[in-house]
Amino acid sequence: MIRREIAESGPGLGARLRVNCLTFRGGLHGHHVNEDTGMLPAVAGRRPGLAPVVDRLRREQGRIAELVEEPRKAVSGDGADPADVLAEVERLTSGLEDHLAHEEERLIPVLDAPAT
């Protein structure tokens, strides 16, 4: 949806895109706070061998928080260039996909396993 909106924006980016970026940023932040205060400590406590995975996921969350700021900055200025915004969205998308793939590969089997 965001890619399409950028493509259709013409020379100026619309207010709806700015709102979408801010909404996404807030939702992702909330998701990571929930992981940091709930799921990740629980996993680390029950599976000490996964400490390196949990540490990596936390580092990645910090990097993603930085990546989320770039599209926000790109859409915030007057005369925002859709090509610049799209490049930042693509960079963010790639970072998120890598993070989620690692998270799913390492944590989903643990979370799906029966409690012992």
PDB file of N, CA and C in Angstrom:
ATOM      1  N   MET A   1       0.826  -1.186   0.000  1.00  0.00           N
ATOM      2  CA  MET A   1       0.000   0.000   0.000  1.00  0.00           C
ATOM      3  C   MET A   1       0.873   1.254   0.000  1.00  0.00           C
ATOM      4  N   ILE A   2       1.921   1.266   0.802  1.00  0.00           N
ATOM      5  CA  ILE A   2       2.788   2.444   0.867  1.00  0.00           C
ATOM      6  C   ILE A   2       3.518   2.632  -0.452  1.00  0.00           C
ATOM      7  N   ARG A   3       4.010   1.535  -1.042  1.00  0.00           N
ATOM      8  CA  ARG A   3       4.702   1.650  -2.338  1.00  0.00           C
ATOM      9  C   ARG A   3       3.776   2.246  -3.398  1.00  0.00           C
ATOM     10  N   ARG A   4       2.534   1.766  -3.422  1.00  0.00           N
ATOM     11  CA  ARG A   4       1.577   2.274  -4.404  1.00  0.00           C
ATOM     12  C   ARG A   4       1.304   3.752  -4.169  1.00  0.00           C
ATOM     13  N   GLU A   5       1.140   4.115  -2.909  1.00  0.00           N
ATOM     14  CA  GLU A   5       0.862   5.512  -2.592  1.00  0.00           C
ATOM     15  C   GLU A   5       2.021   6.415  -3.012  1.00  0.00           C
ATOM     16  N   ILE A   6       3.233   5.950  -2.821  1.00  0.00           N
ATOM     17  CA  ILE A   6       4.402   6.725  -3.252  1.00  0.00           C
ATOM     18  C   ILE A   6       4.395   6.871  -4.766  1.00  0.00           C
ATOM     19  N   ALA A   7       4.128   5.759  -5.468  1.00  0.00           N
ATOM     20  CA  ALA A   7       4.120   5.783  -6.934  1.00  0.00           C
ATOM     21  C   ALA A   7       3.050   6.716  -7.473  1.00  0.00           C
ATOM     22  N   GLU A   8       1.927   6.799  -6.780  1.00  0.00           N
ATOM     23  CA  GLU A   8       0.811   7.628  -7.238  1.00  0.00           C
ATOM     24  C   GLU A   8       0.865   9.064  -6.732  1.00  0.00           C
ATOM     25  N   SER A   9       1.873   9.383  -5.944  1.00  0.00           N
ATOM     26  CA  SER A   9       1.902  10.679  -5.282  1.00  0.00           C
ATOM     27  C   SER A   9       2.255  11.832  -6.203  1.00  0.00           C
ATOM     28  N   GLY A  10       2.873  11.550  -7.343  1.00  0.00           N
ATOM     29  CA  GLY A  10       3.288  12.632  -8.228  1.00  0.00           C
ATOM     30  C   GLY A  10       4.423  13.404  -7.604  1.00  0.00           C
ATOM     31  N   PRO A  11       4.501  14.693  -7.891  1.00  0.00           N
ATOM     32  CA  PRO A  11       5.633  15.471  -7.405  1.00  0.00           C
ATOM     33  C   PRO A  11       5.633  15.723  -5.901  1.00  0.00           C
ATOM     34  N   GLY A  12       4.492  15.600  -5.250  1.00  0.00           N
ATOM     35  CA  GLY A  12       4.432  15.829  -3.801  1.00  0.00           C
ATOM     36  C   GLY A  12       3.839  14.626  -3.098  1.00  0.00           C
ATOM     37  N   LEU A  13       4.291  14.393  -1.905  1.00  0.00           N
ATOM     38  CA  LEU A  13       3.748  13.277  -1.135  1.00  0.00           C
ATOM     39  C   LEU A  13       2.583  13.760  -0.291  1.00  0.00           C
ATOM     40  N   GLY A  14       1.548  12.940  -0.243  1.00  0.00           N
ATOM     41  CA  GLY A  14       0.341  13.345   0.446  1.00  0.00           C
ATOM     42  C   GLY A  14       0.405  13.172   1.950  1.00  0.00           C
ATOM     43  N   ALA A  15      -0.540  13.840   2.596  1.00  0.00           N
ATOM     44  CA  ALA A  15      -0.636  13.771   4.057  1.00  0.00           C
ATOM     45  C   ALA A  15      -0.949  12.355   4.521  1.00  0.00           C
ATOM     46  N   ARG A  16      -1.716  11.622   3.724  1.00  0.00           N
ATOM     47  CA  ARG A  16      -2.067  10.256   4.120  1.00  0.00           C
ATOM     48  C   ARG A  16      -0.815   9.382   4.227  1.00  0.00           C
ATOM     49  N   LEU A  17       0.136   9.579   3.327  1.00  0.00           N
ATOM     50  CA  LEU A  17       1.378   8.816   3.392  1.00  0.00           C
ATOM     51  C   LEU A  17       2.149   9.167   4.658  1.00  0.00           C
ATOM     52  N   ARG A  18       2.182  10.422   5.017  1.00  0.00           N
ATOM     53  CA  ARG A  18       2.852  10.822   6.252  1.00  0.00           C
ATOM     54  C   ARG A  18       2.200  10.152   7.463  1.00  0.00           C
ATOM     55  N   VAL A  19       0.866  10.120   7.465  1.00  0.00           N
ATOM     56  CA  VAL A  19       0.143   9.476   8.555  1.00  0.00           C
ATOM     57  C   VAL A  19       0.434   7.980   8.577  1.00  0.00           C
ATOM     58  N   ASN A  20       0.457   7.342   7.395  1.00  0.00           N
ATOM     59  CA  ASN A  20       0.765   5.914   7.329  1.00  0.00           C
ATOM     60  C   ASN A  20       2.149   5.625   7.892  1.00  0.00           C
ATOM     61  N   CYS A  21       3.121   6.455   7.571  1.00  0.00           N
ATOM     62  CA  CYS A  21       4.479   6.255   8.077  1.00  0.00           C
ATOM     63  C   CYS A  21       4.518   6.396   9.596  1.00  0.00           C
ATOM     64  N   LEU A  22       3.837   7.387  10.118  1.00  0.00           N
ATOM     65  CA  LEU A  22       3.814   7.590  11.568  1.00  0.00           C
ATOM     66  C   LEU A  22       3.073   6.457  12.276  1.00  0.00           C
ATOM     67  N   THR A  23       1.981   6.000  11.677  1.00  0.00           N
ATOM     68  CA  THR A  23       1.212   4.900  12.255  1.00  0.00           C
ATOM     69  C   THR A  23       2.044   3.624  12.274  1.00  0.00           C
ATOM     70  N   PHE A  24       2.716   3.342  11.165  1.00  0.00           N
ATOM     71  CA  PHE A  24       3.571   2.166  11.081  1.00  0.00           C
ATOM     72  C   PHE A  24       4.676   2.234  12.129  1.00  0.00           C
ATOM     73  N   ARG A  25       5.291   3.384  12.227  1.00  0.00           N
ATOM     74  CA  ARG A  25       6.378   3.581  13.191  1.00  0.00           C
ATOM     75  C   ARG A  25       5.896   3.295  14.607  1.00  0.00           C
ATOM     76  N   GLY A  26       4.739   3.844  14.959  1.00  0.00           N
ATOM     77  CA  GLY A  26       4.186   3.632  16.297  1.00  0.00           C
ATOM     78  C   GLY A  26       3.827   2.182  16.546  1.00  0.00           C
ATOM     79  N   GLY A  27       3.231   1.531  15.566  1.00  0.00           N
ATOM     80  CA  GLY A  27       2.868   0.123  15.718  1.00  0.00           C
ATOM     81  C   GLY A  27       4.079  -0.773  15.869  1.00  0.00           C
ATOM     82  N   LEU A  28       5.094  -0.526  15.071  1.00  0.00           N
ATOM     83  CA  LEU A  28       6.310  -1.332  15.156  1.00  0.00           C
ATOM     84  C   LEU A  28       7.024  -1.110  16.486  1.00  0.00           C
ATOM     85  N   HIS A  29       7.046   0.130  16.939  1.00  0.00           N
ATOM     86  CA  HIS A  29       7.654   0.420  18.233  1.00  0.00           C
ATOM     87  C   HIS A  29       6.925  -0.341  19.350  1.00  0.00           C
ATOM     88  N   GLY A  30       5.601  -0.305  19.318  1.00  0.00           N
ATOM     89  CA  GLY A  30       4.815  -1.026  20.316  1.00  0.00           C
ATOM     90  C   GLY A  30       5.071  -2.524  20.269  1.00  0.00           C
ATOM     91  N   HIS A  31       5.189  -3.066  19.076  1.00  0.00           N
ATOM     92  CA  HIS A  31       5.477  -4.491  18.908  1.00  0.00           C
ATOM     93  C   HIS A  31       6.821  -4.836  19.541  1.00  0.00           C
ATOM     94  N   HIS A  32       7.822  -4.032  19.283  1.00  0.00           N
ATOM     95  CA  HIS A  32       9.155  -4.306  19.830  1.00  0.00           C
ATOM     96  C   HIS A  32       9.204  -4.097  21.350  1.00  0.00           C
ATOM     97  N   VAL A  33       8.474  -3.138  21.855  1.00  0.00           N
ATOM     98  CA  VAL A  33       8.405  -2.965  23.316  1.00  0.00           C
ATOM     99  C   VAL A  33       7.785  -4.210  23.943  1.00  0.00           C
ATOM    100  N   ASN A  34       6.711  -4.720  23.345  1.00  0.00           N
ATOM    101  CA  ASN A  34       6.071  -5.931  23.870  1.00  0.00           C
ATOM    102  C   ASN A  34       7.036  -7.114  23.834  1.00  0.00           C
ATOM    103  N   GLU A  35       7.784  -7.244  22.754  1.00  0.00           N
ATOM    104  CA  GLU A  35       8.766  -8.333  22.688  1.00  0.00           C
ATOM    105  C   GLU A  35       9.846  -8.156  23.755  1.00  0.00           C
ATOM    106  N   ASP A  36      10.341  -6.924  23.889  1.00  0.00           N
ATOM    107  CA  ASP A  36      11.427  -6.656  24.841  1.00  0.00           C
ATOM    108  C   ASP A  36      11.011  -6.856  26.294  1.00  0.00           C
ATOM    109  N   THR A  37       9.743  -6.612  26.593  1.00  0.00           N
ATOM    110  CA  THR A  37       9.301  -6.723  27.991  1.00  0.00           C
ATOM    111  C   THR A  37       8.578  -8.025  28.287  1.00  0.00           C
ATOM    112  N   GLY A  38       8.245  -8.797  27.269  1.00  0.00           N
ATOM    113  CA  GLY A  38       7.494 -10.023  27.498  1.00  0.00           C
ATOM    114  C   GLY A  38       8.133 -11.250  26.895  1.00  0.00           C
ATOM    115  N   MET A  39       8.021 -11.368  25.586  1.00  0.00           N
ATOM    116  CA  MET A  39       8.429 -12.593  24.920  1.00  0.00           C
ATOM    117  C   MET A  39       9.928 -12.872  25.035  1.00  0.00           C
ATOM    118  N   LEU A  40      10.760 -11.907  24.735  1.00  0.00           N
ATOM    119  CA  LEU A  40      12.199 -12.170  24.734  1.00  0.00           C
ATOM    120  C   LEU A  40      12.741 -12.526  26.120  1.00  0.00           C
ATOM    121  N   PRO A  41      12.348 -11.818  27.181  1.00  0.00           N
ATOM    122  CA  PRO A  41      12.813 -12.259  28.503  1.00  0.00           C
ATOM    123  C   PRO A  41      12.297 -13.656  28.865  1.00  0.00           C
ATOM    124  N   ALA A  42      11.077 -13.967  28.470  1.00  0.00           N
ATOM    125  CA  ALA A  42      10.524 -15.294  28.769  1.00  0.00           C
ATOM    126  C   ALA A  42      11.312 -16.378  28.041  1.00  0.00           C
ATOM    127  N   VAL A  43      11.588 -16.146  26.763  1.00  0.00           N
ATOM    128  CA  VAL A  43      12.363 -17.120  25.995  1.00  0.00           C
ATOM    129  C   VAL A  43      13.753 -17.274  26.587  1.00  0.00           C
ATOM    130  N   ALA A  44      14.398 -16.161  26.888  1.00  0.00           N
ATOM    131  CA  ALA A  44      15.756 -16.213  27.450  1.00  0.00           C
ATOM    132  C   ALA A  44      15.765 -16.924  28.797  1.00  0.00           C
ATOM    133  N   GLY A  45      14.719 -16.725  29.594  1.00  0.00           N
ATOM    134  CA  GLY A  45      14.650 -17.365  30.897  1.00  0.00           C
ATOM    135  C   GLY A  45      14.431 -18.867  30.816  1.00  0.00           C
ATOM    136  N   ARG A  46      13.639 -19.293  29.837  1.00  0.00           N
ATOM    137  CA  ARG A  46      13.341 -20.720  29.704  1.00  0.00           C
ATOM    138  C   ARG A  46      14.370 -21.464  28.866  1.00  0.00           C
ATOM    139  N   ARG A  47      15.014 -20.741  27.981  1.00  0.00           N
ATOM    140  CA  ARG A  47      15.975 -21.368  27.077  1.00  0.00           C
ATOM    141  C   ARG A  47      17.266 -20.561  27.068  1.00  0.00           C
ATOM    142  N   PRO A  48      18.095 -20.708  28.095  1.00  0.00           N
ATOM    143  CA  PRO A  48      19.336 -19.925  28.175  1.00  0.00           C
ATOM    144  C   PRO A  48      20.236 -20.086  26.950  1.00  0.00           C
ATOM    145  N   GLY A  49      20.153 -21.218  26.274  1.00  0.00           N
ATOM    146  CA  GLY A  49      20.945 -21.432  25.070  1.00  0.00           C
ATOM    147  C   GLY A  49      20.581 -20.501  23.931  1.00  0.00           C
ATOM    148  N   LEU A  50      19.408 -19.870  24.038  1.00  0.00           N
ATOM    149  CA  LEU A  50      18.981 -18.934  22.999  1.00  0.00           C
ATOM    150  C   LEU A  50      19.404 -17.491  23.288  1.00  0.00           C
ATOM    151  N   ALA A  51      20.206 -17.290  24.315  1.00  0.00           N
ATOM    152  CA  ALA A  51      20.648 -15.927  24.652  1.00  0.00           C
ATOM    153  C   ALA A  51      21.281 -15.213  23.455  1.00  0.00           C
ATOM    154  N   PRO A  52      22.139 -15.878  22.657  1.00  0.00           N
ATOM    155  CA  PRO A  52      22.701 -15.175  21.490  1.00  0.00           C
ATOM    156  C   PRO A  52      21.627 -14.758  20.472  1.00  0.00           C
ATOM    157  N   VAL A  53      20.593 -15.574  20.319  1.00  0.00           N
ATOM    158  CA  VAL A  53      19.495 -15.243  19.400  1.00  0.00           C
ATOM    159  C   VAL A  53      18.739 -14.031  19.926  1.00  0.00           C
ATOM    160  N   VAL A  54      18.423 -14.040  21.208  1.00  0.00           N
ATOM    161  CA  VAL A  54      17.702 -12.924  21.827  1.00  0.00           C
ATOM    162  C   VAL A  54      18.525 -11.646  21.729  1.00  0.00           C
ATOM    163  N   ASP A  55      19.811 -11.739  21.996  1.00  0.00           N
ATOM    164  CA  ASP A  55      20.684 -10.558  21.885  1.00  0.00           C
ATOM    165  C   ASP A  55      20.691 -10.020  20.458  1.00  0.00           C
ATOM    166  N   ARG A  56      20.781 -10.921  19.489  1.00  0.00           N
ATOM    167  CA  ARG A  56      20.781 -10.484  18.084  1.00  0.00           C
ATOM    168  C   ARG A  56      19.462  -9.810  17.724  1.00  0.00           C
ATOM    169  N   LEU A  57      18.356 -10.401  18.157  1.00  0.00           N
ATOM    170  CA  LEU A  57      17.052  -9.804  17.847  1.00  0.00           C
ATOM    171  C   LEU A  57      16.933  -8.414  18.456  1.00  0.00           C
ATOM    172  N   ARG A  58      17.432  -8.235  19.650  1.00  0.00           N
ATOM    173  CA  ARG A  58      17.384  -6.902  20.279  1.00  0.00           C
ATOM    174  C   ARG A  58      18.247  -5.904  19.507  1.00  0.00           C
ATOM    175  N   ARG A  59      19.419  -6.334  19.075  1.00  0.00           N
ATOM    176  CA  ARG A  59      20.270  -5.432  18.266  1.00  0.00           C
ATOM    177  C   ARG A  59      19.577  -5.076  16.958  1.00  0.00           C
ATOM    178  N   GLU A  60      18.965  -6.072  16.333  1.00  0.00           N
ATOM    179  CA  GLU A  60      18.253  -5.823  15.078  1.00  0.00           C
ATOM    180  C   GLU A  60      17.096  -4.853  15.297  1.00  0.00           C
ATOM    181  N   GLN A  61      16.405  -4.974  16.426  1.00  0.00           N
ATOM    182  CA  GLN A  61      15.305  -4.055  16.707  1.00  0.00           C
ATOM    183  C   GLN A  61      15.813  -2.616  16.787  1.00  0.00           C
ATOM    184  N   GLY A  62      16.980  -2.437  17.374  1.00  0.00           N
ATOM    185  CA  GLY A  62      17.567  -1.099  17.421  1.00  0.00           C
ATOM    186  C   GLY A  62      17.883  -0.580  16.040  1.00  0.00           C
ATOM    187  N   ARG A  63      18.420  -1.442  15.189  1.00  0.00           N
ATOM    188  CA  ARG A  63      18.735  -1.046  13.807  1.00  0.00           C
ATOM    189  C   ARG A  63      17.456  -0.727  13.036  1.00  0.00           C
ATOM    190  N   ILE A  64      16.418  -1.517  13.247  1.00  0.00           N
ATOM    191  CA  ILE A  64      15.147  -1.267  12.566  1.00  0.00           C
ATOM    192  C   ILE A  64      14.551   0.058  13.019  1.00  0.00           C
ATOM    193  N   ALA A  65      14.681   0.373  14.303  1.00  0.00           N
ATOM    194  CA  ALA A  65      14.197   1.673  14.789  1.00  0.00           C
ATOM    195  C   ALA A  65      14.892   2.809  14.044  1.00  0.00           C
ATOM    196  N   GLU A  66      16.180   2.647  13.773  1.00  0.00           N
ATOM    197  CA  GLU A  66      16.905   3.654  12.981  1.00  0.00           C
ATOM    198  C   GLU A  66      16.392   3.690  11.547  1.00  0.00           C
ATOM    199  N   LEU A  67      16.169   2.513  10.960  1.00  0.00           N
ATOM    200  CA  LEU A  67      15.679   2.449   9.579  1.00  0.00           C
ATOM    201  C   LEU A  67      14.294   3.072   9.443  1.00  0.00           C
ATOM    202  N   VAL A  68      13.457   2.922  10.469  1.00  0.00           N
ATOM    203  CA  VAL A  68      12.106   3.485  10.430  1.00  0.00           C
ATOM    204  C   VAL A  68      12.158   5.007  10.384  1.00  0.00           C
ATOM    205  N   GLU A  69      13.171   5.587  10.979  1.00  0.00           N
ATOM    206  CA  GLU A  69      13.277   7.043  11.001  1.00  0.00           C
ATOM    207  C   GLU A  69      13.549   7.633   9.613  1.00  0.00           C
ATOM    208  N   GLU A  70      14.225   6.892   8.770  1.00  0.00           N
ATOM    209  CA  GLU A  70      14.610   7.451   7.471  1.00  0.00           C
ATOM    210  C   GLU A  70      13.413   7.758   6.564  1.00  0.00           C
ATOM    211  N   PRO A  71      12.446   6.835   6.389  1.00  0.00           N
ATOM    212  CA  PRO A  71      11.270   7.222   5.595  1.00  0.00           C
ATOM    213  C   PRO A  71      10.497   8.373   6.241  1.00  0.00           C
ATOM    214  N   ARG A  72      10.437   8.374   7.584  1.00  0.00           N
ATOM    215  CA  ARG A  72       9.734   9.466   8.268  1.00  0.00           C
ATOM    216  C   ARG A  72      10.392  10.787   7.938  1.00  0.00           C
ATOM    217  N   LYS A  73      11.720  10.829   7.997  1.00  0.00           N
ATOM    218  CA  LYS A  73      12.443  12.058   7.649  1.00  0.00           C
ATOM    219  C   LYS A  73      12.211  12.422   6.189  1.00  0.00           C
ATOM    220  N   ALA A  74      12.218  11.408   5.329  1.00  0.00           N
ATOM    221  CA  ALA A  74      12.069  11.669   3.892  1.00  0.00           C
ATOM    222  C   ALA A  74      10.696  12.236   3.547  1.00  0.00           C
ATOM    223  N   VAL A  75       9.646  11.819   4.258  1.00  0.00           N
ATOM    224  CA  VAL A  75       8.310  12.335   3.947  1.00  0.00           C
ATOM    225  C   VAL A  75       7.984  13.606   4.707  1.00  0.00           C
ATOM    226  N   SER A  76       8.789  13.961   5.689  1.00  0.00           N
ATOM    227  CA  SER A  76       8.460  15.100   6.540  1.00  0.00           C
ATOM    228  C   SER A  76       8.768  16.451   5.918  1.00  0.00           C
ATOM    229  N   GLY A  77       9.742  16.513   5.079  1.00  0.00           N
ATOM    230  CA  GLY A  77      10.132  17.805   4.522  1.00  0.00           C
ATOM    231  C   GLY A  77       9.234  18.259   3.392  1.00  0.00           C
ATOM    232  N   ASP A  78       9.208  19.560   3.168  1.00  0.00           N
ATOM    233  CA  ASP A  78       8.492  20.091   2.010  1.00  0.00           C
ATOM    234  C   ASP A  78       9.227  19.656   0.748  1.00  0.00           C
ATOM    235  N   GLY A  79       8.477  19.326  -0.255  1.00  0.00           N
ATOM    236  CA  GLY A  79       9.078  18.924  -1.518  1.00  0.00           C
ATOM    237  C   GLY A  79       9.770  17.576  -1.435  1.00  0.00           C
ATOM    238  N   ALA A  80       9.243  16.685  -0.609  1.00  0.00           N
ATOM    239  CA  ALA A  80       9.841  15.356  -0.470  1.00  0.00           C
ATOM    240  C   ALA A  80       9.860  14.656  -1.816  1.00  0.00           C
ATOM    241  N   ASP A  81      10.969  14.042  -2.127  1.00  0.00           N
ATOM    242  CA  ASP A  81      11.147  13.349  -3.404  1.00  0.00           C
ATOM    243  C   ASP A  81      10.642  11.919  -3.278  1.00  0.00           C
ATOM    244  N   PRO A  82       9.627  11.544  -4.053  1.00  0.00           N
ATOM    245  CA  PRO A  82       9.101  10.182  -3.971  1.00  0.00           C
ATOM    246  C   PRO A  82      10.172   9.106  -4.192  1.00  0.00           C
ATOM    247  N   ALA A  83      11.139   9.357  -5.034  1.00  0.00           N
ATOM    248  CA  ALA A  83      12.193   8.365  -5.270  1.00  0.00           C
ATOM    249  C   ALA A  83      13.031   8.145  -4.010  1.00  0.00           C
ATOM    250  N   ASP A  84      13.319   9.222  -3.290  1.00  0.00           N
ATOM    251  CA  ASP A  84      14.064   9.089  -2.032  1.00  0.00           C
ATOM    252  C   ASP A  84      13.255   8.337  -0.984  1.00  0.00           C
ATOM    253  N   VAL A  85      11.976   8.654  -0.907  1.00  0.00           N
ATOM    254  CA  VAL A  85      11.101   7.981   0.059  1.00  0.00           C
ATOM    255  C   VAL A  85      11.020   6.500  -0.279  1.00  0.00           C
ATOM    256  N   LEU A  86      10.831   6.176  -1.543  1.00  0.00           N
ATOM    257  CA  LEU A  86      10.732   4.784  -1.943  1.00  0.00           C
ATOM    258  C   LEU A  86      12.021   4.029  -1.623  1.00  0.00           C
ATOM    259  N   ALA A  87      13.162   4.640  -1.848  1.00  0.00           N
ATOM    260  CA  ALA A  87      14.442   3.994  -1.532  1.00  0.00           C
ATOM    261  C   ALA A  87      14.532   3.683  -0.035  1.00  0.00           C
ATOM    262  N   GLU A  88      14.082   4.614   0.796  1.00  0.00           N
ATOM    263  CA  GLU A  88      14.105   4.379   2.244  1.00  0.00           C
ATOM    264  C   GLU A  88      13.104   3.301   2.650  1.00  0.00           C
ATOM    265  N   VAL A  89      11.943   3.288   2.020  1.00  0.00           N
ATOM    266  CA  VAL A  89      10.944   2.258   2.307  1.00  0.00           C
ATOM    267  C   VAL A  89      11.492   0.886   1.916  1.00  0.00           C
ATOM    268  N   GLU A  90      12.163   0.808   0.781  1.00  0.00           N
ATOM    269  CA  GLU A  90      12.744  -0.469   0.337  1.00  0.00           C
ATOM    270  C   GLU A  90      13.840  -0.933   1.300  1.00  0.00           C
ATOM    271  N   ARG A  91      14.662  -0.005   1.773  1.00  0.00           N
ATOM    272  CA  ARG A  91      15.722  -0.347   2.734  1.00  0.00           C
ATOM    273  C   ARG A  91      15.096  -0.865   4.033  1.00  0.00           C
ATOM    274  N   LEU A  92      14.058  -0.197   4.493  1.00  0.00           N
ATOM    275  CA  LEU A  92      13.352  -0.622   5.697  1.00  0.00           C
ATOM    276  C   LEU A  92      12.707  -1.989   5.490  1.00  0.00           C
ATOM    277  N   THR A  93      12.064  -2.183   4.362  1.00  0.00           N
ATOM    278  CA  THR A  93      11.406  -3.451   4.058  1.00  0.00           C
ATOM    279  C   THR A  93      12.407  -4.599   4.077  1.00  0.00           C
ATOM    280  N   SER A  94      13.545  -4.394   3.463  1.00  0.00           N
ATOM    281  CA  SER A  94      14.578  -5.423   3.433  1.00  0.00           C
ATOM    282  C   SER A  94      15.066  -5.755   4.848  1.00  0.00           C
ATOM    283  N   GLY A  95      15.315  -4.730   5.650  1.00  0.00           N
ATOM    284  CA  GLY A  95      15.758  -4.945   7.028  1.00  0.00           C
ATOM    285  C   GLY A  95      14.722  -5.684   7.856  1.00  0.00           C
ATOM    286  N   LEU A  96      13.464  -5.315   7.677  1.00  0.00           N
ATOM    287  CA  LEU A  96      12.390  -5.985   8.417  1.00  0.00           C
ATOM    288  C   LEU A  96      12.238  -7.438   7.988  1.00  0.00           C
ATOM    289  N   GLU A  97      12.303  -7.680   6.684  1.00  0.00           N
ATOM    290  CA  GLU A  97      12.162  -9.047   6.196  1.00  0.00           C
ATOM    291  C   GLU A  97      13.290  -9.931   6.722  1.00  0.00           C
ATOM    292  N   ASP A  98      14.506  -9.423   6.735  1.00  0.00           N
ATOM    293  CA  ASP A  98      15.635 -10.183   7.274  1.00  0.00           C
ATOM    294  C   ASP A  98      15.424 -10.477   8.764  1.00  0.00           C
ATOM    295  N   HIS A  99      15.013  -9.465   9.500  1.00  0.00           N
ATOM    296  CA  HIS A  99      14.768  -9.617  10.938  1.00  0.00           C
ATOM    297  C   HIS A  99      13.674 -10.652  11.199  1.00  0.00           C
ATOM    298  N   LEU A 100      12.576 -10.541  10.489  1.00  0.00           N
ATOM    299  CA  LEU A 100      11.459 -11.464  10.704  1.00  0.00           C
ATOM    300  C   LEU A 100      11.818 -12.883  10.296  1.00  0.00           C
ATOM    301  N   ALA A 101      12.583 -13.042   9.226  1.00  0.00           N
ATOM    302  CA  ALA A 101      12.997 -14.383   8.803  1.00  0.00           C
ATOM    303  C   ALA A 101      13.841 -15.036   9.895  1.00  0.00           C
ATOM    304  N   HIS A 102      14.772 -14.273  10.470  1.00  0.00           N
ATOM    305  CA  HIS A 102      15.611 -14.815  11.543  1.00  0.00           C
ATOM    306  C   HIS A 102      14.759 -15.127  12.778  1.00  0.00           C
ATOM    307  N   GLU A 103      13.877 -14.222  13.114  1.00  0.00           N
ATOM    308  CA  GLU A 103      13.010 -14.415  14.276  1.00  0.00           C
ATOM    309  C   GLU A 103      12.153 -15.668  14.095  1.00  0.00           C
ATOM    310  N   GLU A 104      11.560 -15.816  12.925  1.00  0.00           N
ATOM    311  CA  GLU A 104      10.708 -16.982  12.667  1.00  0.00           C
ATOM    312  C   GLU A 104      11.520 -18.274  12.655  1.00  0.00           C
ATOM    313  N   GLU A 105      12.695 -18.233  12.078  1.00  0.00           N
ATOM    314  CA  GLU A 105      13.536 -19.429  11.995  1.00  0.00           C
ATOM    315  C   GLU A 105      13.965 -19.912  13.377  1.00  0.00           C
ATOM    316  N   ARG A 106      14.308 -18.980  14.242  1.00  0.00           N
ATOM    317  CA  ARG A 106      14.876 -19.354  15.539  1.00  0.00           C
ATOM    318  C   ARG A 106      13.862 -19.427  16.669  1.00  0.00           C
ATOM    319  N   LEU A 107      12.804 -18.594  16.636  1.00  0.00           N
ATOM    320  CA  LEU A 107      11.889 -18.547  17.775  1.00  0.00           C
ATOM    321  C   LEU A 107      10.584 -19.305  17.583  1.00  0.00           C
ATOM    322  N   ILE A 108      10.053 -19.357  16.376  1.00  0.00           N
ATOM    323  CA  ILE A 108       8.766 -20.033  16.171  1.00  0.00           C
ATOM    324  C   ILE A 108       8.834 -21.498  16.604  1.00  0.00           C
ATOM    325  N   PRO A 109       9.892 -22.244  16.266  1.00  0.00           N
ATOM    326  CA  PRO A 109       9.943 -23.628  16.752  1.00  0.00           C
ATOM    327  C   PRO A 109       9.928 -23.718  18.283  1.00  0.00           C
ATOM    328  N   VAL A 110      10.573 -22.777  18.936  1.00  0.00           N
ATOM    329  CA  VAL A 110      10.595 -22.767  20.413  1.00  0.00           C
ATOM    330  C   VAL A 110       9.213 -22.432  20.953  1.00  0.00           C
ATOM    331  N   LEU A 111       8.571 -21.442  20.368  1.00  0.00           N
ATOM    332  CA  LEU A 111       7.257 -21.031  20.850  1.00  0.00           C
ATOM    333  C   LEU A 111       6.184 -22.066  20.540  1.00  0.00           C
ATOM    334  N   ASP A 112       6.361 -22.820  19.458  1.00  0.00           N
ATOM    335  CA  ASP A 112       5.389 -23.858  19.084  1.00  0.00           C
ATOM    336  C   ASP A 112       5.605 -25.162  19.846  1.00  0.00           C
ATOM    337  N   ALA A 113       6.762 -25.344  20.449  1.00  0.00           N
ATOM    338  CA  ALA A 113       7.069 -26.590  21.156  1.00  0.00           C
ATOM    339  C   ALA A 113       6.233 -26.715  22.418  1.00  0.00           C
ATOM    340  N   PRO A 114       5.881 -27.923  22.766  1.00  0.00           N
ATOM    341  CA  PRO A 114       5.138 -28.110  24.030  1.00  0.00           C
ATOM    342  C   PRO A 114       5.980 -27.667  25.222  1.00  0.00           C
ATOM    343  N   ALA A 115       5.338 -27.128  26.217  1.00  0.00           N
ATOM    344  CA  ALA A 115       6.041 -26.696  27.426  1.00  0.00           C
ATOM    345  C   ALA A 115       6.592 -27.916  28.156  1.00  0.00           C
ATOM    346  N   THR A 116       7.794 -27.759  28.684  1.00  0.00           N
ATOM    347  CA  THR A 116       8.401 -28.874  29.418  1.00  0.00           C
ATOM    348  C   THR A 116       8.636 -28.498  30.854  1.00  0.00           C
TER     349      THR A 116
END
